[in-house]
Amino acid sequence: MFIKLKNLVWLFLVLLILAVLVLSVINTKKNLDIKSNQIEFLEKNLNKKKSQIKNVHEKLISNNIYLEDIVFSEGINFNHKSNLEIEYNSNNYTLSEFSSDDIVFAKHPAASSSAYIDTNEENLFLVTATGQIAYSNLNNIFSEKIEMISIKSNIKDIINYAEFYKSSPFGIKDILVNENEIYISYIKEVNNECYNTSILIGGIDYNKINFSEFFSEEDCINKNDPFYKINKNDKLVPHQAGGRMIAVNDEILLTVGEYRKRVLAQNENSYFGKIISINKNSKKYKIISKGHRNPQGLYINNQINKLFSTEHGPDGGDEINVIDLSITNATPNYGWPISSYGDHYYQEKDDSRLDLSPLEKSHKKKGFIEPIKYFVPSVGISEITEIPKKFTNSNSLQFIVGTMGTAKRIKDGMLSLYFFEYDNSNNKIKNEKLIPIKSRVRDIKYLSQHNSVVMFLETNSTLGILKQKN
């Protein structure tokens, strides 16, 4: 009788626990549904506000009133927001973030603003994606508040199509400061709805920079190109413009994307889908490498004579590539769109895009150069730069790469800093580490004189300063 009673007690307890668990699950689901509805409401409200702001902005532009001219008239400020502790290769670093409310327009839906940075020996220069320019002395960027002084320019006299000044994908793609001159790459409207990647140049003048055309091709890609009618998912994509620049002696190296007209990347008669070298004097260019989709980062190590580039893949397949500049017998080919470790967006079983762009996974089997690193899923890879021994306390070649992505569909590796060691003898990556920082890293520069890394983080319109912890 006692054993039977004991079993009944146990059965009661089990049923009670199950009932509590069921009620907990029901309540949790109810709370999740409430939270989901709240998030959906907030998203709709935010999208409505964005639409209203965009409408007001476009009406102002149509009347030649530019909000950023007003905001930038007295300079812009970045205020210290937070610190993040980072560990890499047994070293401790602090990432200090300085946020600004003065950069108001973004070129990507997941960004609150878009800008690029570069330095000379004295100053940090910043250009927004809509062409506003500001600078600050490098000694001033390590305080609690970074004040940047605006520089006027004649950009609006040169670039006069409306999409450039809106929260659209069209805009500035990079800034390069070299030998007392500023180069700006941008998406140029060559003629009606026909675009390419071009460069402006202007001498550094802190009162006003007068830009002129440095490099531009007649070749452009039209929004209504017949290529985009082959598949319902294809269209001209300005995000795939490339635009990264570096200076090498008397040359300016430029990455040029293919604007999603994929076949141009293998066309020797087109500069789209290539990395090119432009002579400063003659303005003539030569192709350094081909088979690129959308190169977003560029760095050269002169000691080993190698060029490092980062590249956006399609749905998966972001790459880090190494171009050996000592090999001159043929143009290095990195495979796009024949080979890629990604897939087409919304790819279907009998997808028509696969006829011209099969995206074979192996590069080597097709006679192309393999990336030293690829990411599946994509991480939204961005700029790359080398970090020297005094920053890493290592004798090996060390690099830092930014990643972007979106917090709404965040995947491993997005919104992060990617550190890696490069083995030059074997052309391989080793000792890699991804460190999440919860922000889209648009641009990165190493400051030798301050042994620090400065970056533009566009999720919250932030300048980030990464330095060794004391």
Protein backbone atom coordinates (compact mmCIF):
# COMPACT_ATOMS: atom_id res chain seq x y z
CA MET A 1 0.00 0.00 0.00
CA PHE A 2 2.87 2.37 0.91
CA ILE A 3 4.65 1.64 -2.41
CA LYS A 4 1.45 2.31 -4.35
CA LEU A 5 0.96 5.61 -2.52
CA LYS A 6 4.57 6.53 -3.17
CA ASN A 7 4.12 5.84 -6.91
CA LEU A 8 0.99 8.00 -6.95
CA VAL A 9 2.91 10.83 -5.30
CA TRP A 10 5.69 10.55 -7.89
CA LEU A 11 3.12 10.46 -10.70
CA PHE A 12 1.45 13.56 -9.25
CA LEU A 13 4.79 15.36 -9.05
CA VAL A 14 5.67 14.42 -12.63
CA LEU A 15 2.28 15.61 -13.87
CA LEU A 16 2.66 18.81 -11.85
CA ILE A 17 6.09 19.47 -13.34
CA LEU A 18 4.75 18.78 -16.84
CA ALA A 19 1.85 21.15 -16.23
CA VAL A 20 4.24 23.86 -15.04
CA LEU A 21 6.44 23.31 -18.10
CA VAL A 22 3.44 23.47 -20.45
CA LEU A 23 2.25 26.68 -18.80
CA SER A 24 5.78 28.12 -19.04
CA VAL A 25 5.96 27.29 -22.73
CA ILE A 26 2.53 28.85 -23.34
CA ASN A 27 3.50 32.00 -21.44
CA THR A 28 6.87 32.20 -23.17
CA LYS A 29 5.21 31.85 -26.58
CA LYS A 30 2.67 34.48 -25.61
CA ASN A 31 5.44 36.84 -24.51
CA LEU A 32 7.41 36.15 -27.69
CA ASP A 33 4.30 36.88 -29.77
CA ILE A 34 3.85 40.16 -27.89
CA LYS A 35 7.52 41.06 -28.37
CA SER A 36 7.30 40.09 -32.04
CA ASN A 37 4.27 42.34 -32.51
CA GLN A 38 6.07 45.17 -30.70
CA ILE A 39 9.15 44.75 -32.91
CA GLU A 40 6.98 44.63 -36.04
CA PHE A 41 5.21 47.82 -34.91
CA LEU A 42 8.52 49.59 -34.21
CA GLU A 43 9.93 48.48 -37.60
CA LYS A 44 6.87 49.79 -39.42
CA ASN A 45 7.04 53.03 -37.47
CA LEU A 46 10.76 53.41 -38.16
CA ASN A 47 10.32 52.67 -41.87
CA LYS A 48 7.54 55.25 -42.03
CA LYS A 49 9.78 57.85 -40.38
CA LYS A 50 12.59 56.99 -42.83
CA SER A 51 10.16 57.39 -45.73
CA GLN A 52 8.98 60.76 -44.41
CA ILE A 53 12.56 61.99 -43.94
CA LYS A 54 13.50 60.76 -47.41
CA ASN A 55 10.52 62.60 -48.90
CA VAL A 56 11.47 65.85 -47.15
CA HIS A 57 15.11 65.41 -48.16
CA GLU A 58 14.23 64.88 -51.83
CA LYS A 59 12.02 67.97 -51.86
CA LEU A 60 14.84 70.03 -50.34
CA ILE A 61 17.30 68.75 -52.95
CA SER A 62 14.87 69.61 -55.75
CA ASN A 63 15.08 73.20 -54.44
CA ASN A 64 18.90 73.06 -54.20
CA ILE A 65 18.85 72.94 -50.39
CA TYR A 66 21.30 70.42 -48.94
CA LEU A 67 20.89 69.47 -45.29
CA GLU A 68 24.51 68.37 -44.94
CA ASP A 69 25.68 71.83 -46.05
CA ILE A 70 23.81 73.25 -43.08
CA VAL A 71 24.98 70.56 -40.62
CA PHE A 72 28.62 70.75 -41.75
CA SER A 73 28.80 74.54 -41.89
CA GLU A 74 30.33 74.75 -38.41
CA GLY A 75 32.14 71.40 -38.44
CA ILE A 76 31.10 68.06 -37.00
CA ASN A 77 31.65 66.45 -33.61
CA PHE A 78 32.21 62.91 -32.40
CA ASN A 79 31.63 62.30 -28.68
CA HIS A 80 33.04 59.40 -26.71
CA LYS A 81 30.40 56.71 -26.47
CA SER A 82 31.90 53.46 -25.20
CA ASN A 83 34.94 51.21 -24.85
CA LEU A 84 35.25 47.58 -25.87
CA GLU A 85 38.05 45.33 -24.64
CA ILE A 86 39.58 43.08 -27.31
CA GLU A 87 42.14 40.30 -27.05
CA TYR A 88 44.18 39.06 -29.99
CA ASN A 89 47.40 37.08 -30.17
CA SER A 90 47.89 37.39 -26.37
CA ASN A 91 47.64 41.20 -26.63
CA ASN A 92 44.95 43.36 -25.05
CA TYR A 93 43.41 46.28 -26.93
CA THR A 94 40.74 48.89 -26.31
CA LEU A 95 38.31 49.93 -29.04
CA SER A 96 37.04 53.41 -28.16
CA GLU A 97 33.97 54.53 -30.08
CA PHE A 98 33.07 58.17 -30.76
CA SER A 99 29.56 58.76 -32.06
CA SER A 100 28.25 61.67 -34.16
CA ASP A 101 24.77 62.92 -34.99
CA ASP A 102 26.10 65.19 -37.73
CA ILE A 103 26.44 62.70 -40.61
CA VAL A 104 22.85 62.21 -41.59
CA PHE A 105 22.69 60.17 -44.80
CA ALA A 106 23.54 56.53 -45.41
CA LYS A 107 24.07 54.56 -48.60
CA HIS A 108 22.98 51.23 -47.14
CA PRO A 109 19.72 50.40 -45.31
CA ALA A 110 21.64 48.86 -42.38
CA ALA A 111 23.78 51.97 -41.87
CA SER A 112 22.93 55.20 -40.07
CA SER A 113 25.54 57.05 -42.14
CA SER A 114 28.26 56.36 -44.72
CA ALA A 115 31.77 57.84 -44.84
CA TYR A 116 35.39 57.06 -45.71
CA ILE A 117 38.64 58.10 -44.05
CA ASP A 118 42.31 58.60 -44.84
CA THR A 119 45.29 60.40 -43.29
CA ASN A 120 48.43 62.31 -44.09
CA GLU A 121 51.21 62.95 -41.56
CA GLU A 122 49.18 65.57 -39.69
CA ASN A 123 45.45 65.08 -40.20
CA LEU A 124 42.60 62.63 -40.38
CA PHE A 125 40.33 63.34 -43.37
CA LEU A 126 36.73 62.19 -43.63
CA VAL A 127 34.42 62.34 -46.64
CA THR A 128 30.77 61.41 -46.45
CA ALA A 129 29.21 59.34 -49.21
CA THR A 130 27.43 62.51 -50.38
CA GLY A 131 30.67 64.50 -50.69
CA GLN A 132 31.03 66.50 -47.46
CA ILE A 133 34.67 66.76 -46.33
CA ALA A 134 36.10 67.39 -42.85
CA TYR A 135 39.43 66.99 -41.07
CA SER A 136 40.99 66.92 -37.62
CA ASN A 137 44.57 66.97 -36.42
CA LEU A 138 45.63 63.44 -35.49
CA ASN A 139 46.69 64.60 -32.03
CA ASN A 140 43.09 65.57 -31.32
CA ILE A 141 41.43 62.22 -31.97
CA PHE A 142 42.44 60.65 -28.67
CA SER A 143 40.42 62.95 -26.39
CA GLU A 144 36.85 62.60 -25.12
CA LYS A 145 35.54 64.67 -28.05
CA ILE A 146 36.76 64.70 -31.64
CA GLU A 147 36.06 67.99 -33.40
CA MET A 148 36.38 67.98 -37.18
CA ILE A 149 36.58 71.14 -39.28
CA SER A 150 34.65 71.27 -42.53
CA ILE A 151 36.31 71.97 -45.87
CA LYS A 152 34.29 73.48 -48.69
CA SER A 153 34.59 72.05 -52.21
CA ASN A 154 33.18 72.32 -55.71
CA ILE A 155 31.86 68.75 -55.77
CA LYS A 156 28.29 69.91 -56.40
CA ASP A 157 29.47 71.75 -59.52
CA ILE A 158 30.84 68.47 -60.91
CA ILE A 159 28.41 65.85 -59.63
CA ASN A 160 24.89 67.04 -60.29
CA TYR A 161 22.60 64.03 -60.53
CA ALA A 162 20.05 63.88 -57.69
CA GLU A 163 20.53 60.24 -56.64
CA PHE A 164 24.07 61.02 -55.51
CA TYR A 165 22.81 63.30 -52.70
CA LYS A 166 20.02 61.03 -51.48
CA SER A 167 20.02 58.00 -49.19
CA SER A 168 20.61 55.84 -52.25
CA PRO A 169 23.39 53.41 -53.29
CA PHE A 170 24.96 56.10 -55.52
CA GLY A 171 27.77 58.14 -54.03
CA ILE A 172 31.41 58.43 -52.95
CA LYS A 173 33.27 55.10 -52.77
CA ASP A 174 36.63 56.05 -51.21
CA ILE A 175 39.07 58.83 -50.30
CA LEU A 176 42.84 58.75 -50.85
CA VAL A 177 45.29 61.37 -49.57
CA ASN A 178 48.60 61.30 -51.45
CA GLU A 179 51.35 63.91 -51.99
CA ASN A 180 49.27 66.90 -50.90
CA GLU A 181 46.35 65.86 -53.10
CA ILE A 182 43.01 64.26 -52.36
CA TYR A 183 41.51 61.65 -54.68
CA ILE A 184 37.85 60.75 -54.43
CA SER A 185 36.32 57.79 -56.23
CA TYR A 186 32.61 57.94 -56.95
CA ILE A 187 29.78 56.60 -59.07
CA LYS A 188 29.55 58.87 -62.09
CA GLU A 189 26.48 59.28 -64.25
CA VAL A 190 28.22 59.38 -67.63
CA ASN A 191 24.97 59.97 -69.44
CA ASN A 192 21.29 59.37 -68.69
CA GLU A 193 21.07 56.42 -66.24
CA CYS A 194 24.45 55.09 -67.41
CA TYR A 195 27.09 54.79 -64.69
CA ASN A 196 30.71 53.92 -64.02
CA THR A 197 33.39 54.27 -61.33
CA SER A 198 35.50 57.44 -61.74
CA ILE A 199 37.99 59.54 -59.75
CA LEU A 200 38.23 63.25 -58.90
CA ILE A 201 41.43 64.98 -57.78
CA GLY A 202 42.01 68.19 -55.83
CA GLY A 203 44.93 69.86 -54.09
CA ILE A 204 44.66 70.03 -50.30
CA ASP A 205 43.35 73.47 -49.42
CA TYR A 206 41.76 73.82 -46.00
CA ASN A 207 39.56 76.69 -47.16
CA LYS A 208 38.18 75.09 -50.29
CA ILE A 209 39.20 72.11 -52.45
CA ASN A 210 38.70 72.57 -56.17
CA PHE A 211 38.27 69.14 -57.69
CA SER A 212 38.70 68.20 -61.33
CA GLU A 213 38.40 64.94 -63.20
CA PHE A 214 41.40 62.65 -62.75
CA PHE A 215 40.10 59.45 -64.35
CA SER A 216 36.90 58.51 -66.13
CA GLU A 217 36.05 56.05 -68.89
CA GLU A 218 33.46 56.58 -71.60
CA ASP A 219 32.34 53.00 -70.98
CA CYS A 220 29.32 52.88 -68.66
CA ILE A 221 26.54 50.50 -67.67
CA ASN A 222 22.94 51.50 -68.27
CA LYS A 223 20.11 50.72 -65.89
CA ASN A 224 18.14 49.41 -68.86
CA ASP A 225 20.93 47.23 -70.26
CA PRO A 226 19.44 44.14 -71.98
CA PHE A 227 21.60 41.94 -69.76
CA TYR A 228 19.35 42.76 -66.80
CA LYS A 229 16.30 41.46 -68.64
CA ILE A 230 17.61 37.88 -68.85
CA ASN A 231 16.63 37.08 -65.27
CA LYS A 232 13.92 38.63 -63.08
CA ASN A 233 16.35 38.96 -60.15
CA ASP A 234 18.92 41.00 -62.08
CA LYS A 235 19.28 44.78 -62.11
CA LEU A 236 22.03 47.39 -62.01
CA VAL A 237 23.46 47.39 -58.46
CA PRO A 238 25.51 50.48 -57.51
CA HIS A 239 26.68 48.72 -54.33
CA GLN A 240 28.83 46.61 -56.68
CA ALA A 241 30.88 49.57 -57.93
CA GLY A 242 34.17 48.81 -56.15
CA GLY A 243 36.04 52.11 -55.83
CA ARG A 244 38.88 51.37 -53.40
CA MET A 245 42.12 53.27 -54.13
CA ILE A 246 45.77 53.09 -53.06
CA ALA A 247 48.84 54.96 -54.32
CA VAL A 248 51.89 53.03 -55.57
CA ASN A 249 54.71 55.27 -56.82
CA ASP A 250 53.34 57.12 -59.88
CA GLU A 251 50.23 54.97 -60.09
CA ILE A 252 46.79 55.00 -58.51
CA LEU A 253 45.34 51.53 -58.12
CA LEU A 254 41.55 51.35 -58.35
CA THR A 255 39.09 48.52 -57.83
CA VAL A 256 36.13 48.50 -60.23
CA GLY A 257 33.06 46.35 -59.65
CA GLU A 258 30.78 45.01 -62.34
CA TYR A 259 27.48 46.59 -61.17
CA ARG A 260 25.99 43.07 -61.42
CA LYS A 261 26.62 42.88 -65.14
CA ARG A 262 28.66 39.81 -64.28
CA VAL A 263 30.01 38.86 -67.68
CA LEU A 264 32.14 42.02 -67.88
CA ALA A 265 34.50 40.68 -65.22
CA GLN A 266 36.00 38.28 -67.81
CA ASN A 267 35.94 40.77 -70.68
CA GLU A 268 39.47 42.07 -71.39
CA ASN A 269 38.03 45.04 -73.31
CA SER A 270 36.15 46.34 -70.27
CA TYR A 271 37.54 47.79 -67.06
CA PHE A 272 34.52 46.59 -65.06
CA GLY A 273 35.22 43.69 -62.71
CA LYS A 274 38.94 44.52 -62.59
CA ILE A 275 41.67 46.01 -60.45
CA ILE A 276 43.46 48.60 -62.58
CA SER A 277 46.55 50.78 -62.30
CA ILE A 278 46.25 54.39 -63.52
CA ASN A 279 49.33 56.44 -64.36
CA LYS A 280 49.20 59.81 -62.57
CA ASN A 281 50.64 61.66 -65.54
CA SER A 282 49.20 60.02 -68.64
CA LYS A 283 45.92 58.92 -66.96
CA LYS A 284 46.17 55.72 -68.99
CA TYR A 285 45.40 52.49 -67.19
CA LYS A 286 46.41 48.86 -67.33
CA ILE A 287 44.60 45.85 -65.91
CA ILE A 288 46.27 44.38 -62.81
CA SER A 289 43.80 41.53 -62.33
CA LYS A 290 40.40 40.43 -63.55
CA GLY A 291 37.53 38.13 -62.59
CA HIS A 292 36.35 40.32 -59.70
CA ARG A 293 32.78 40.89 -58.55
CA ASN A 294 33.04 43.80 -56.13
CA PRO A 295 36.45 44.41 -54.49
CA GLN A 296 35.93 46.36 -51.26
CA GLY A 297 39.41 46.46 -49.76
CA LEU A 298 42.93 47.02 -51.14
CA TYR A 299 46.39 47.00 -49.58
CA ILE A 300 49.93 46.56 -50.94
CA ASN A 301 52.95 45.16 -49.12
CA ASN A 302 55.93 46.48 -51.07
CA GLN A 303 58.45 44.22 -49.35
CA ILE A 304 56.90 41.04 -50.71
CA ASN A 305 55.44 42.79 -53.80
CA LYS A 306 51.93 41.49 -53.19
CA LEU A 307 48.55 43.14 -53.39
CA PHE A 308 45.81 42.07 -50.96
CA SER A 309 42.18 42.59 -51.91
CA THR A 310 38.89 41.77 -50.25
CA GLU A 311 35.80 41.08 -52.30
CA HIS A 312 32.06 40.72 -51.83
CA GLY A 313 30.69 37.43 -53.07
CA PRO A 314 27.03 36.94 -54.02
CA ASP A 315 24.96 34.89 -51.53
CA GLY A 316 28.05 33.56 -49.76
CA GLY A 317 31.60 33.49 -51.07
CA ASP A 318 33.21 36.72 -49.79
CA GLU A 319 36.93 36.46 -50.55
CA ILE A 320 40.40 37.57 -49.55
CA ASN A 321 42.71 37.43 -52.57
CA VAL A 322 46.46 37.87 -52.99
CA ILE A 323 47.86 39.24 -56.27
CA ASP A 324 51.55 38.51 -56.83
CA LEU A 325 52.78 41.57 -58.70
CA SER A 326 56.06 39.88 -59.65
CA ILE A 327 54.16 37.59 -62.05
CA THR A 328 53.77 39.57 -65.28
CA ASN A 329 53.39 36.96 -68.00
CA ALA A 330 49.58 36.90 -67.78
CA THR A 331 46.75 38.84 -66.14
CA PRO A 332 45.82 37.09 -62.87
CA ASN A 333 42.24 35.82 -63.09
CA TYR A 334 40.18 35.28 -59.93
CA GLY A 335 37.33 33.50 -61.61
CA TRP A 336 34.18 35.57 -61.22
CA PRO A 337 31.54 34.79 -62.47
CA ILE A 338 32.67 31.33 -63.63
CA SER A 339 33.83 30.32 -60.16
CA SER A 340 32.60 31.39 -56.74
CA TYR A 341 31.97 29.71 -53.39
CA GLY A 342 28.67 31.56 -53.20
CA ASP A 343 25.35 31.22 -55.04
CA HIS A 344 23.19 33.68 -56.92
CA TYR A 345 20.67 35.51 -54.78
CA TYR A 346 17.35 33.63 -54.89
CA GLN A 347 19.00 30.93 -57.01
CA GLU A 348 16.64 28.32 -58.45
CA LYS A 349 17.30 24.81 -59.75
CA ASP A 350 17.24 25.72 -63.46
CA ASP A 351 18.30 29.32 -62.97
CA SER A 352 18.97 31.14 -66.26
CA ARG A 353 21.84 33.06 -64.66
CA LEU A 354 23.86 29.84 -64.42
CA ASP A 355 24.24 29.73 -68.22
CA LEU A 356 26.60 32.71 -68.30
CA SER A 357 27.61 32.68 -64.64
CA PRO A 358 27.79 29.06 -63.45
CA LEU A 359 29.54 29.82 -60.14
CA GLU A 360 31.58 26.63 -60.07
CA LYS A 361 32.93 26.12 -56.58
CA SER A 362 36.51 25.26 -57.47
CA HIS A 363 38.61 28.06 -58.95
CA LYS A 364 41.72 25.99 -59.54
CA LYS A 365 39.95 23.33 -61.63
CA LYS A 366 38.82 26.08 -64.01
CA GLY A 367 42.30 27.56 -64.28
CA PHE A 368 41.65 30.49 -61.90
CA ILE A 369 43.42 31.62 -58.75
CA GLU A 370 41.90 30.43 -55.49
CA PRO A 371 41.20 32.96 -52.72
CA ILE A 372 43.37 32.52 -49.64
CA LYS A 373 40.15 32.80 -47.63
CA TYR A 374 36.45 32.61 -48.44
CA PHE A 375 33.43 33.05 -46.19
CA VAL A 376 30.19 31.06 -46.41
CA PRO A 377 27.85 32.60 -45.44
CA SER A 378 29.06 36.04 -46.48
CA VAL A 379 30.28 38.44 -43.81
CA GLY A 380 30.03 41.67 -45.84
CA ILE A 381 33.80 42.04 -46.06
CA SER A 382 35.28 45.54 -46.31
CA GLU A 383 38.66 47.27 -46.02
CA ILE A 384 41.96 45.49 -45.25
CA THR A 385 45.19 46.88 -43.82
CA GLU A 386 48.43 45.51 -42.40
CA ILE A 387 49.18 45.98 -38.72
CA PRO A 388 52.91 46.02 -37.93
CA LYS A 389 55.06 44.39 -35.26
CA LYS A 390 54.81 47.26 -32.79
CA PHE A 391 51.01 46.89 -32.80
CA THR A 392 50.89 43.10 -32.57
CA ASN A 393 54.22 42.24 -30.90
CA SER A 394 54.69 39.65 -33.64
CA ASN A 395 57.34 39.24 -36.33
CA SER A 396 54.85 37.71 -38.76
CA LEU A 397 52.71 39.53 -41.34
CA GLN A 398 49.49 40.49 -39.58
CA PHE A 399 46.34 42.00 -41.10
CA ILE A 400 43.02 43.37 -39.93
CA VAL A 401 39.86 43.29 -42.04
CA GLY A 402 36.47 44.84 -41.39
CA THR A 403 33.11 43.17 -41.97
CA MET A 404 29.65 44.64 -42.35
CA GLY A 405 26.34 42.82 -42.73
CA THR A 406 23.15 43.79 -40.98
CA ALA A 407 21.98 43.32 -37.40
CA LYS A 408 18.55 42.25 -38.68
CA ARG A 409 19.97 39.16 -40.41
CA ILE A 410 23.20 38.80 -38.47
CA LYS A 411 25.36 35.75 -39.16
CA ASP A 412 28.65 34.61 -37.73
CA GLY A 413 31.44 36.93 -38.85
CA MET A 414 29.30 39.98 -39.59
CA LEU A 415 29.76 43.28 -37.70
CA SER A 416 33.26 42.19 -36.75
CA LEU A 417 37.00 42.68 -37.00
CA TYR A 418 38.86 39.79 -38.63
CA PHE A 419 42.51 39.39 -37.66
CA PHE A 420 44.83 37.00 -39.45
CA GLU A 421 48.47 36.09 -39.92
CA TYR A 422 49.72 35.64 -43.48
CA ASP A 423 52.23 32.90 -44.29
CA ASN A 424 54.01 34.35 -47.31
CA SER A 425 56.05 31.21 -48.09
CA ASN A 426 52.94 29.06 -48.46
CA ASN A 427 50.47 31.80 -49.43
CA LYS A 428 48.14 30.81 -46.61
CA ILE A 429 46.28 32.33 -43.69
CA LYS A 430 46.92 31.11 -40.17
CA ASN A 431 46.10 32.18 -36.61
CA GLU A 432 42.86 33.87 -37.63
CA LYS A 433 40.29 35.36 -35.27
CA LEU A 434 36.91 37.04 -35.75
CA ILE A 435 35.98 39.52 -33.03
CA PRO A 436 32.38 40.84 -33.00
CA ILE A 437 32.07 44.59 -32.37
CA LYS A 438 28.36 44.96 -33.24
CA SER A 439 28.91 47.55 -35.96
CA ARG A 440 29.46 47.71 -39.71
CA VAL A 441 33.13 48.46 -40.40
CA ARG A 442 33.27 50.59 -43.54
CA ASP A 443 36.88 51.81 -43.50
CA ILE A 444 40.14 51.10 -41.64
CA LYS A 445 43.49 52.91 -41.50
CA TYR A 446 46.60 52.22 -39.41
CA LEU A 447 48.22 55.30 -37.83
CA SER A 448 51.93 54.58 -37.59
CA GLN A 449 52.89 57.63 -35.55
CA HIS A 450 50.23 56.80 -32.94
CA ASN A 451 50.42 52.99 -33.21
CA SER A 452 46.64 52.86 -33.46
CA VAL A 453 43.95 51.79 -35.90
CA VAL A 454 41.20 54.24 -36.80
CA MET A 455 38.00 53.08 -38.47
CA PHE A 456 34.64 54.38 -39.58
CA LEU A 457 31.76 52.33 -38.15
CA GLU A 458 28.54 53.09 -39.96
CA THR A 459 25.91 51.30 -37.85
CA ASN A 460 25.90 54.16 -35.34
CA SER A 461 27.86 56.82 -37.26
CA THR A 462 30.99 56.20 -35.23
CA LEU A 463 34.75 56.70 -35.37
CA GLY A 464 36.53 53.78 -33.73
CA ILE A 465 40.05 54.02 -32.30
CA LEU A 466 41.77 50.69 -31.59
CA LYS A 467 44.95 50.84 -29.53
CA GLN A 468 47.00 48.67 -27.21
CA LYS A 469 45.78 48.65 -23.65
CA ASN A 470 48.13 50.32 -21.19
